[in-house]
Amino acid sequence: MTQARSLTIRTWMAAAMALPVAVALVCAALAAHAAPSTALPGDEVTEAQVSRIAGEVARVPGAFPGMLVTTRDRSGISDGRYSQPYRLTVSAYGLLPASADGEPRYVRRFLVYGPDTDALPTVMRVSRLLLLLWSERRAHLGVDHPPDTPTLQVWLTRQVGRGLSADTAGEQFKNQIYLYDLAADRKPAEWAREVAHEYGHFALVPGISGYEAPENDSSGYVGEQLFLTWIEQDALAGRIHSDELPFVTLEDLTGYLNSHARPLADRVESEGADL
């Protein structure tokens, strides 16, 4: 082999070995100038991680801060009970204060599913109300969701579940809530009452049970009156601003409590509980 040919072969081999390195360097340079990576929202998120979340982030201001993250899935997510498709999800996070050795962190407490993008306004209001109910429960009772079920899944449907009465508005079992027939003509206070009722079944356990009608367990009725009373009190005190109330105005809330909750409380106070 001539010296010239040997030199040519060595030059070609060196170039071939250097090519992967050059490609890697170019890719690294492009990556350094690319948009920041995104990730689906997880169970906990720090402030530094919020900008990397994949989805539409809406901050929740006020005395009970948090955030709502909307993600869309064209292929659809199915619930475990009726196998219906849901094409958008709102992840509702509450903001916990910084611990002694950490920073404030957002914790996911609700996954609220909607059947289609047309349902997004209602899904957002339900998510915001659930986050407010969770915050009131923490503020007054000092408890969070159980460690084994920290995230409650909430499914909004356009029809009533199979085998249920046509006027069934919702139901709860374990860490699942169904809100049925979301296009039904409901007054704002009825939306607030129904969401608080179903959350009460999850949040106020063990409840008092053994009733014949309208439900065996009283925790739903206690929840709708207790939670909505707390919200009204905070709104009257200026802790919650009127534009932070989902579905209802303060007048709606007070009107509902005056017509439903307070007469029952007055009756028990004057006549005692008929057990």
C-alpha atoms as a PDB file:
ATOM      1  CA  MET A   1       0.000   0.000   0.000  1.00  0.00           C
ATOM      2  CA  THR A   2       1.369   3.349  -0.965  1.00  0.00           C
ATOM      3  CA  GLN A   3       1.874   6.088   1.628  1.00  0.00           C
ATOM      4  CA  ALA A   4      -0.646   8.348  -0.160  1.00  0.00           C
ATOM      5  CA  ARG A   5      -3.335   5.670  -0.122  1.00  0.00           C
ATOM      6  CA  SER A   6      -2.689   4.873   3.577  1.00  0.00           C
ATOM      7  CA  LEU A   7      -3.028   8.561   4.400  1.00  0.00           C
ATOM      8  CA  THR A   8      -6.346   8.753   2.522  1.00  0.00           C
ATOM      9  CA  ILE A   9      -7.789   5.754   4.414  1.00  0.00           C
ATOM     10  CA  ARG A  10      -6.706   7.170   7.783  1.00  0.00           C
ATOM     11  CA  THR A  11      -8.244  10.535   6.904  1.00  0.00           C
ATOM     12  CA  TRP A  12     -11.559   8.887   5.868  1.00  0.00           C
ATOM     13  CA  MET A  13     -11.695   6.809   9.083  1.00  0.00           C
ATOM     14  CA  ALA A  14     -11.024   9.860  11.241  1.00  0.00           C
ATOM     15  CA  ALA A  15     -13.787  11.779   9.487  1.00  0.00           C
ATOM     16  CA  ALA A  16     -16.238   8.886   9.919  1.00  0.00           C
ATOM     17  CA  MET A  17     -15.442   8.628  13.632  1.00  0.00           C
ATOM     18  CA  ALA A  18     -15.845  12.383  14.099  1.00  0.00           C
ATOM     19  CA  LEU A  19     -19.248  12.565  12.367  1.00  0.00           C
ATOM     20  CA  PRO A  20     -21.354  11.256  15.301  1.00  0.00           C
ATOM     21  CA  VAL A  21     -19.580  13.647  17.643  1.00  0.00           C
ATOM     22  CA  ALA A  22     -20.305  16.574  15.334  1.00  0.00           C
ATOM     23  CA  VAL A  23     -23.964  15.578  15.028  1.00  0.00           C
ATOM     24  CA  ALA A  24     -24.254  15.325  18.802  1.00  0.00           C
ATOM     25  CA  LEU A  25     -22.719  18.766  19.260  1.00  0.00           C
ATOM     26  CA  VAL A  26     -25.113  20.297  16.739  1.00  0.00           C
ATOM     27  CA  CYS A  27     -28.134  18.658  18.417  1.00  0.00           C
ATOM     28  CA  ALA A  28     -27.011  19.888  21.814  1.00  0.00           C
ATOM     29  CA  ALA A  29     -26.642  23.421  20.489  1.00  0.00           C
ATOM     30  CA  LEU A  30     -30.130  23.321  18.974  1.00  0.00           C
ATOM     31  CA  ALA A  31     -31.601  21.929  22.180  1.00  0.00           C
ATOM     32  CA  ALA A  32     -30.024  24.724  24.198  1.00  0.00           C
ATOM     33  CA  HIS A  33     -31.982  27.277  22.155  1.00  0.00           C
ATOM     34  CA  ALA A  34     -35.238  25.306  22.011  1.00  0.00           C
ATOM     35  CA  ALA A  35     -38.320  26.051  24.076  1.00  0.00           C
ATOM     36  CA  PRO A  36     -38.241  24.670  27.620  1.00  0.00           C
ATOM     37  CA  SER A  37     -39.382  21.093  27.983  1.00  0.00           C
ATOM     38  CA  THR A  38     -42.913  20.479  29.199  1.00  0.00           C
ATOM     39  CA  ALA A  39     -44.381  17.766  31.368  1.00  0.00           C
ATOM     40  CA  LEU A  40     -47.864  16.693  32.287  1.00  0.00           C
ATOM     41  CA  PRO A  41     -48.870  18.009  35.706  1.00  0.00           C
ATOM     42  CA  GLY A  42     -47.970  15.676  38.545  1.00  0.00           C
ATOM     43  CA  ASP A  43     -49.177  15.226  42.122  1.00  0.00           C
ATOM     44  CA  GLU A  44     -46.994  18.089  43.393  1.00  0.00           C
ATOM     45  CA  VAL A  45     -45.545  21.093  41.563  1.00  0.00           C
ATOM     46  CA  THR A  46     -43.196  23.790  42.795  1.00  0.00           C
ATOM     47  CA  GLU A  47     -43.334  27.343  41.521  1.00  0.00           C
ATOM     48  CA  ALA A  48     -40.180  26.765  39.499  1.00  0.00           C
ATOM     49  CA  GLN A  49     -41.841  23.841  37.708  1.00  0.00           C
ATOM     50  CA  VAL A  50     -45.062  25.662  36.750  1.00  0.00           C
ATOM     51  CA  SER A  51     -43.582  27.135  33.565  1.00  0.00           C
ATOM     52  CA  ARG A  52     -42.721  23.635  32.307  1.00  0.00           C
ATOM     53  CA  ILE A  53     -46.217  22.211  32.691  1.00  0.00           C
ATOM     54  CA  ALA A  54     -47.926  21.059  29.519  1.00  0.00           C
ATOM     55  CA  GLY A  55     -51.354  22.616  29.512  1.00  0.00           C
ATOM     56  CA  GLU A  56     -53.198  25.884  30.035  1.00  0.00           C
ATOM     57  CA  VAL A  57     -52.434  27.225  33.511  1.00  0.00           C
ATOM     58  CA  ALA A  58     -54.911  29.504  35.275  1.00  0.00           C
ATOM     59  CA  ARG A  59     -53.875  30.920  38.636  1.00  0.00           C
ATOM     60  CA  VAL A  60     -56.385  30.993  41.483  1.00  0.00           C
ATOM     61  CA  PRO A  61     -55.850  34.166  43.560  1.00  0.00           C
ATOM     62  CA  GLY A  62     -57.105  35.203  46.967  1.00  0.00           C
ATOM     63  CA  ALA A  63     -56.997  33.804  50.467  1.00  0.00           C
ATOM     64  CA  PHE A  64     -57.066  30.223  49.164  1.00  0.00           C
ATOM     65  CA  PRO A  65     -54.616  30.288  46.236  1.00  0.00           C
ATOM     66  CA  GLY A  66     -54.031  27.516  43.759  1.00  0.00           C
ATOM     67  CA  MET A  67     -54.029  26.809  40.041  1.00  0.00           C
ATOM     68  CA  LEU A  68     -56.094  25.007  37.436  1.00  0.00           C
ATOM     69  CA  VAL A  69     -54.323  23.211  34.591  1.00  0.00           C
ATOM     70  CA  THR A  70     -56.351  22.282  31.507  1.00  0.00           C
ATOM     71  CA  THR A  71     -55.148  19.504  29.200  1.00  0.00           C
ATOM     72  CA  ARG A  72     -56.928  18.079  26.165  1.00  0.00           C
ATOM     73  CA  ASP A  73     -56.889  14.518  24.840  1.00  0.00           C
ATOM     74  CA  ARG A  74     -58.491  13.905  21.453  1.00  0.00           C
ATOM     75  CA  SER A  75     -58.352  10.153  21.921  1.00  0.00           C
ATOM     76  CA  GLY A  76     -60.397  10.451  25.097  1.00  0.00           C
ATOM     77  CA  ILE A  77     -60.081   9.159  28.659  1.00  0.00           C
ATOM     78  CA  SER A  78     -62.646   6.646  29.905  1.00  0.00           C
ATOM     79  CA  ASP A  79     -64.139   6.479  33.366  1.00  0.00           C
ATOM     80  CA  GLY A  80     -64.198   3.179  35.179  1.00  0.00           C
ATOM     81  CA  ARG A  81     -67.944   2.921  35.688  1.00  0.00           C
ATOM     82  CA  TYR A  82     -69.653   3.791  32.427  1.00  0.00           C
ATOM     83  CA  SER A  83     -66.694   3.731  29.996  1.00  0.00           C
ATOM     84  CA  GLN A  84     -67.667   7.091  28.533  1.00  0.00           C
ATOM     85  CA  PRO A  85     -65.030   9.212  26.752  1.00  0.00           C
ATOM     86  CA  TYR A  86     -63.802  12.475  28.267  1.00  0.00           C
ATOM     87  CA  ARG A  87     -61.654  14.734  26.138  1.00  0.00           C
ATOM     88  CA  LEU A  88     -60.520  17.411  28.532  1.00  0.00           C
ATOM     89  CA  THR A  89     -59.145  17.381  32.061  1.00  0.00           C
ATOM     90  CA  VAL A  90     -58.716  20.151  34.592  1.00  0.00           C
ATOM     91  CA  SER A  91     -56.174  19.391  37.317  1.00  0.00           C
ATOM     92  CA  ALA A  92     -57.003  21.472  40.406  1.00  0.00           C
ATOM     93  CA  TYR A  93     -54.102  22.320  42.717  1.00  0.00           C
ATOM     94  CA  GLY A  94     -54.114  23.991  46.102  1.00  0.00           C
ATOM     95  CA  LEU A  95     -51.067  25.924  47.275  1.00  0.00           C
ATOM     96  CA  LEU A  96     -49.544  24.753  50.534  1.00  0.00           C
ATOM     97  CA  PRO A  97     -47.240  27.125  52.445  1.00  0.00           C
ATOM     98  CA  ALA A  98     -43.525  26.502  52.580  1.00  0.00           C
ATOM     99  CA  SER A  99     -42.248  24.016  55.108  1.00  0.00           C
ATOM    100  CA  ALA A 100     -39.232  24.753  57.280  1.00  0.00           C
ATOM    101  CA  ASP A 101     -36.862  23.148  54.788  1.00  0.00           C
ATOM    102  CA  GLY A 102     -38.703  23.711  51.513  1.00  0.00           C
ATOM    103  CA  GLU A 103     -40.715  26.067  49.334  1.00  0.00           C
ATOM    104  CA  PRO A 104     -44.429  26.518  48.696  1.00  0.00           C
ATOM    105  CA  ARG A 105     -45.835  23.699  46.625  1.00  0.00           C
ATOM    106  CA  TYR A 106     -48.967  23.086  44.622  1.00  0.00           C
ATOM    107  CA  VAL A 107     -50.691  19.805  45.480  1.00  0.00           C
ATOM    108  CA  ARG A 108     -53.212  18.206  43.157  1.00  0.00           C
ATOM    109  CA  ARG A 109     -56.466  17.398  44.905  1.00  0.00           C
ATOM    110  CA  PHE A 110     -58.949  17.078  42.004  1.00  0.00           C
ATOM    111  CA  LEU A 111     -59.005  15.784  38.450  1.00  0.00           C
ATOM    112  CA  VAL A 112     -62.160  17.083  36.800  1.00  0.00           C
ATOM    113  CA  TYR A 113     -63.079  15.551  33.437  1.00  0.00           C
ATOM    114  CA  GLY A 114     -65.325  16.998  30.734  1.00  0.00           C
ATOM    115  CA  PRO A 115     -66.808  15.201  27.706  1.00  0.00           C
ATOM    116  CA  ASP A 116     -65.776  17.878  25.175  1.00  0.00           C
ATOM    117  CA  THR A 117     -64.377  21.385  24.852  1.00  0.00           C
ATOM    118  CA  ASP A 118     -67.869  22.919  24.980  1.00  0.00           C
ATOM    119  CA  ALA A 119     -68.026  21.791  28.606  1.00  0.00           C
ATOM    120  CA  LEU A 120     -64.866  23.680  29.594  1.00  0.00           C
ATOM    121  CA  PRO A 121     -66.576  26.691  31.283  1.00  0.00           C
ATOM    122  CA  THR A 122     -68.611  24.381  33.521  1.00  0.00           C
ATOM    123  CA  VAL A 123     -65.625  22.132  34.222  1.00  0.00           C
ATOM    124  CA  MET A 124     -63.592  25.181  35.263  1.00  0.00           C
ATOM    125  CA  ARG A 125     -66.308  26.422  37.630  1.00  0.00           C
ATOM    126  CA  VAL A 126     -66.717  22.976  39.193  1.00  0.00           C
ATOM    127  CA  SER A 127     -62.931  22.720  39.614  1.00  0.00           C
ATOM    128  CA  ARG A 128     -62.725  26.147  41.234  1.00  0.00           C
ATOM    129  CA  LEU A 129     -65.603  25.357  43.605  1.00  0.00           C
ATOM    130  CA  LEU A 130     -64.104  22.019  44.626  1.00  0.00           C
ATOM    131  CA  LEU A 131     -60.792  23.720  45.358  1.00  0.00           C
ATOM    132  CA  LEU A 132     -62.634  26.255  47.513  1.00  0.00           C
ATOM    133  CA  LEU A 133     -64.478  23.496  49.398  1.00  0.00           C
ATOM    134  CA  TRP A 134     -61.184  21.686  50.006  1.00  0.00           C
ATOM    135  CA  SER A 135     -59.601  24.914  51.277  1.00  0.00           C
ATOM    136  CA  GLU A 136     -62.499  25.625  53.642  1.00  0.00           C
ATOM    137  CA  ARG A 137     -62.281  22.094  55.022  1.00  0.00           C
ATOM    138  CA  ARG A 138     -58.553  22.503  55.671  1.00  0.00           C
ATOM    139  CA  ALA A 139     -59.046  25.930  57.240  1.00  0.00           C
ATOM    140  CA  HIS A 140     -61.853  24.873  59.610  1.00  0.00           C
ATOM    141  CA  LEU A 141     -61.089  21.220  60.330  1.00  0.00           C
ATOM    142  CA  GLY A 142     -57.314  21.157  59.782  1.00  0.00           C
ATOM    143  CA  VAL A 143     -57.388  18.022  57.626  1.00  0.00           C
ATOM    144  CA  ASP A 144     -56.430  17.158  54.067  1.00  0.00           C
ATOM    145  CA  HIS A 145     -57.576  14.347  51.817  1.00  0.00           C
ATOM    146  CA  PRO A 146     -56.475  10.904  53.034  1.00  0.00           C
ATOM    147  CA  PRO A 147     -52.921   9.959  51.989  1.00  0.00           C
ATOM    148  CA  ASP A 148     -54.177   6.882  50.130  1.00  0.00           C
ATOM    149  CA  THR A 149     -56.698   8.941  48.084  1.00  0.00           C
ATOM    150  CA  PRO A 150     -55.254  12.461  47.844  1.00  0.00           C
ATOM    151  CA  THR A 151     -56.807  13.186  44.438  1.00  0.00           C
ATOM    152  CA  LEU A 152     -60.555  13.041  43.888  1.00  0.00           C
ATOM    153  CA  GLN A 153     -61.704  12.233  40.343  1.00  0.00           C
ATOM    154  CA  VAL A 154     -64.797  14.092  39.155  1.00  0.00           C
ATOM    155  CA  TRP A 155     -66.632  13.139  35.953  1.00  0.00           C
ATOM    156  CA  LEU A 156     -69.073  15.531  34.251  1.00  0.00           C
ATOM    157  CA  THR A 157     -71.440  13.791  31.880  1.00  0.00           C
ATOM    158  CA  ARG A 158     -74.116  14.896  29.415  1.00  0.00           C
ATOM    159  CA  GLN A 159     -76.524  12.170  30.494  1.00  0.00           C
ATOM    160  CA  VAL A 160     -77.619  10.363  33.629  1.00  0.00           C
ATOM    161  CA  GLY A 161     -75.853   7.109  34.452  1.00  0.00           C
ATOM    162  CA  ARG A 162     -77.374   3.828  33.350  1.00  0.00           C
ATOM    163  CA  GLY A 163     -79.983   2.477  35.712  1.00  0.00           C
ATOM    164  CA  LEU A 164     -80.418   5.753  37.636  1.00  0.00           C
ATOM    165  CA  SER A 165     -83.479   7.918  37.996  1.00  0.00           C
ATOM    166  CA  ALA A 166     -83.750  10.671  35.391  1.00  0.00           C
ATOM    167  CA  ASP A 167     -83.560  13.346  38.093  1.00  0.00           C
ATOM    168  CA  THR A 168     -80.313  12.042  39.616  1.00  0.00           C
ATOM    169  CA  ALA A 169     -77.897  14.977  39.670  1.00  0.00           C
ATOM    170  CA  GLY A 170     -74.818  13.227  41.003  1.00  0.00           C
ATOM    171  CA  GLU A 171     -73.327  10.467  43.108  1.00  0.00           C
ATOM    172  CA  GLN A 172     -70.131   9.612  44.916  1.00  0.00           C
ATOM    173  CA  PHE A 173     -68.298   6.403  45.674  1.00  0.00           C
ATOM    174  CA  LYS A 174     -64.764   6.067  47.060  1.00  0.00           C
ATOM    175  CA  ASN A 175     -62.659   8.798  45.397  1.00  0.00           C
ATOM    176  CA  GLN A 176     -65.022   9.245  42.435  1.00  0.00           C
ATOM    177  CA  ILE A 177     -67.759  11.831  41.926  1.00  0.00           C
ATOM    178  CA  TYR A 178     -70.177  11.887  38.982  1.00  0.00           C
ATOM    179  CA  LEU A 179     -72.118  15.014  38.092  1.00  0.00           C
ATOM    180  CA  TYR A 180     -74.811  14.055  35.606  1.00  0.00           C
ATOM    181  CA  ASP A 181     -76.632  15.880  32.835  1.00  0.00           C
ATOM    182  CA  LEU A 182     -74.447  18.975  32.849  1.00  0.00           C
ATOM    183  CA  ALA A 183     -76.673  20.707  30.299  1.00  0.00           C
ATOM    184  CA  ALA A 184     -79.704  20.525  32.606  1.00  0.00           C
ATOM    185  CA  ASP A 185     -81.382  23.783  33.530  1.00  0.00           C
ATOM    186  CA  ARG A 186     -80.005  24.321  37.030  1.00  0.00           C
ATOM    187  CA  LYS A 187     -80.046  27.512  39.030  1.00  0.00           C
ATOM    188  CA  PRO A 188     -76.578  28.735  40.133  1.00  0.00           C
ATOM    189  CA  ALA A 189     -77.271  27.874  43.771  1.00  0.00           C
ATOM    190  CA  GLU A 190     -78.309  24.362  42.728  1.00  0.00           C
ATOM    191  CA  TRP A 191     -74.937  23.827  41.057  1.00  0.00           C
ATOM    192  CA  ALA A 192     -73.152  24.967  44.227  1.00  0.00           C
ATOM    193  CA  ARG A 193     -75.396  22.803  46.403  1.00  0.00           C
ATOM    194  CA  GLU A 194     -74.902  19.662  44.297  1.00  0.00           C
ATOM    195  CA  VAL A 195     -71.114  19.951  44.175  1.00  0.00           C
ATOM    196  CA  ALA A 196     -70.930  20.609  47.927  1.00  0.00           C
ATOM    197  CA  HIS A 197     -73.312  17.698  48.566  1.00  0.00           C
ATOM    198  CA  GLU A 198     -71.263  15.129  46.667  1.00  0.00           C
ATOM    199  CA  TYR A 199     -68.000  16.408  48.118  1.00  0.00           C
ATOM    200  CA  GLY A 200     -69.537  16.122  51.583  1.00  0.00           C
ATOM    201  CA  HIS A 201     -69.984  12.378  51.034  1.00  0.00           C
ATOM    202  CA  PHE A 202     -66.235  12.104  50.436  1.00  0.00           C
ATOM    203  CA  ALA A 203     -64.927  14.690  52.909  1.00  0.00           C
ATOM    204  CA  LEU A 204     -67.161  14.200  55.963  1.00  0.00           C
ATOM    205  CA  VAL A 205     -66.649  10.571  56.862  1.00  0.00           C
ATOM    206  CA  PRO A 206     -67.659   8.663  58.796  1.00  0.00           C
ATOM    207  CA  GLY A 207     -71.086  10.246  58.421  1.00  0.00           C
ATOM    208  CA  ILE A 208     -74.274   9.553  60.330  1.00  0.00           C
ATOM    209  CA  SER A 209     -76.180   6.852  58.476  1.00  0.00           C
ATOM    210  CA  GLY A 210     -79.249   4.693  58.873  1.00  0.00           C
ATOM    211  CA  TYR A 211     -81.823   7.053  57.371  1.00  0.00           C
ATOM    212  CA  GLU A 212     -84.602   5.757  55.136  1.00  0.00           C
ATOM    213  CA  ALA A 213     -84.972   8.810  52.878  1.00  0.00           C
ATOM    214  CA  PRO A 214     -83.870  10.651  50.885  1.00  0.00           C
ATOM    215  CA  GLU A 215     -80.438   9.054  51.495  1.00  0.00           C
ATOM    216  CA  ASN A 216     -79.034   6.549  53.929  1.00  0.00           C
ATOM    217  CA  ASP A 217     -76.038   8.760  54.758  1.00  0.00           C
ATOM    218  CA  SER A 218     -76.381  12.353  55.987  1.00  0.00           C
ATOM    219  CA  SER A 219     -72.865  13.534  55.080  1.00  0.00           C
ATOM    220  CA  GLY A 220     -73.972  14.983  51.743  1.00  0.00           C
ATOM    221  CA  TYR A 221     -76.630  17.193  53.324  1.00  0.00           C
ATOM    222  CA  VAL A 222     -74.273  18.219  56.120  1.00  0.00           C
ATOM    223  CA  GLY A 223     -71.625  19.049  53.515  1.00  0.00           C
ATOM    224  CA  GLU A 224     -73.818  21.284  51.383  1.00  0.00           C
ATOM    225  CA  GLN A 225     -74.963  23.329  54.375  1.00  0.00           C
ATOM    226  CA  LEU A 226     -71.697  23.390  56.302  1.00  0.00           C
ATOM    227  CA  PHE A 227     -69.367  24.168  53.377  1.00  0.00           C
ATOM    228  CA  LEU A 228     -71.644  26.798  51.847  1.00  0.00           C
ATOM    229  CA  THR A 229     -72.070  28.471  55.239  1.00  0.00           C
ATOM    230  CA  TRP A 230     -68.294  28.694  55.619  1.00  0.00           C
ATOM    231  CA  ILE A 231     -67.982  30.217  52.148  1.00  0.00           C
ATOM    232  CA  GLU A 232     -70.709  32.747  52.934  1.00  0.00           C
ATOM    233  CA  GLN A 233     -68.997  33.715  56.194  1.00  0.00           C
ATOM    234  CA  ASP A 234     -65.663  34.256  54.434  1.00  0.00           C
ATOM    235  CA  ALA A 235     -67.350  36.261  51.684  1.00  0.00           C
ATOM    236  CA  LEU A 236     -69.137  38.487  54.196  1.00  0.00           C
ATOM    237  CA  ALA A 237     -65.858  39.019  56.038  1.00  0.00           C
ATOM    238  CA  GLY A 238     -64.088  40.004  52.823  1.00  0.00           C
ATOM    239  CA  ARG A 239     -61.796  36.994  52.915  1.00  0.00           C
ATOM    240  CA  ILE A 240     -63.307  35.782  49.634  1.00  0.00           C
ATOM    241  CA  HIS A 241     -64.138  38.374  46.981  1.00  0.00           C
ATOM    242  CA  SER A 242     -67.429  38.125  45.151  1.00  0.00           C
ATOM    243  CA  ASP A 243     -65.737  37.494  41.789  1.00  0.00           C
ATOM    244  CA  GLU A 244     -64.002  34.427  43.283  1.00  0.00           C
ATOM    245  CA  LEU A 245     -67.308  32.618  43.902  1.00  0.00           C
ATOM    246  CA  PRO A 246     -67.985  29.970  41.232  1.00  0.00           C
ATOM    247  CA  PHE A 247     -71.568  29.687  39.944  1.00  0.00           C
ATOM    248  CA  VAL A 248     -73.128  31.943  42.580  1.00  0.00           C
ATOM    249  CA  THR A 249     -73.142  35.485  43.878  1.00  0.00           C
ATOM    250  CA  LEU A 250     -73.093  36.192  47.597  1.00  0.00           C
ATOM    251  CA  GLU A 251     -76.799  37.034  47.326  1.00  0.00           C
ATOM    252  CA  ASP A 252     -77.489  33.639  45.708  1.00  0.00           C
ATOM    253  CA  LEU A 253     -75.624  31.907  48.505  1.00  0.00           C
ATOM    254  CA  THR A 254     -77.346  33.788  51.313  1.00  0.00           C
ATOM    255  CA  GLY A 255     -80.739  33.240  49.679  1.00  0.00           C
ATOM    256  CA  TYR A 256     -80.181  29.503  49.466  1.00  0.00           C
ATOM    257  CA  LEU A 257     -78.973  29.224  53.071  1.00  0.00           C
ATOM    258  CA  ASN A 258     -81.870  31.344  54.356  1.00  0.00           C
ATOM    259  CA  SER A 259     -84.412  29.154  52.595  1.00  0.00           C
ATOM    260  CA  HIS A 260     -82.845  25.731  53.185  1.00  0.00           C
ATOM    261  CA  ALA A 261     -80.099  25.487  55.802  1.00  0.00           C
ATOM    262  CA  ARG A 262     -81.080  27.967  58.494  1.00  0.00           C
ATOM    263  CA  PRO A 263     -84.731  26.879  58.916  1.00  0.00           C
ATOM    264  CA  LEU A 264     -83.514  23.332  59.603  1.00  0.00           C
ATOM    265  CA  ALA A 265     -80.899  24.544  62.080  1.00  0.00           C
ATOM    266  CA  ASP A 266     -83.503  26.702  63.832  1.00  0.00           C
ATOM    267  CA  ARG A 267     -85.884  23.746  64.052  1.00  0.00           C
ATOM    268  CA  VAL A 268     -83.262  21.479  65.609  1.00  0.00           C
ATOM    269  CA  GLU A 269     -82.282  24.227  68.043  1.00  0.00           C
ATOM    270  CA  SER A 270     -85.877  24.794  69.160  1.00  0.00           C
ATOM    271  CA  GLU A 271     -87.288  21.257  68.984  1.00  0.00           C
ATOM    272  CA  GLY A 272     -84.231  19.012  69.207  1.00  0.00           C
ATOM    273  CA  ALA A 273     -83.173  16.259  66.842  1.00  0.00           C
ATOM    274  CA  ASP A 274     -85.718  13.512  66.229  1.00  0.00           C
ATOM    275  CA  LEU A 275     -83.506  10.459  66.488  1.00  0.00           C
END
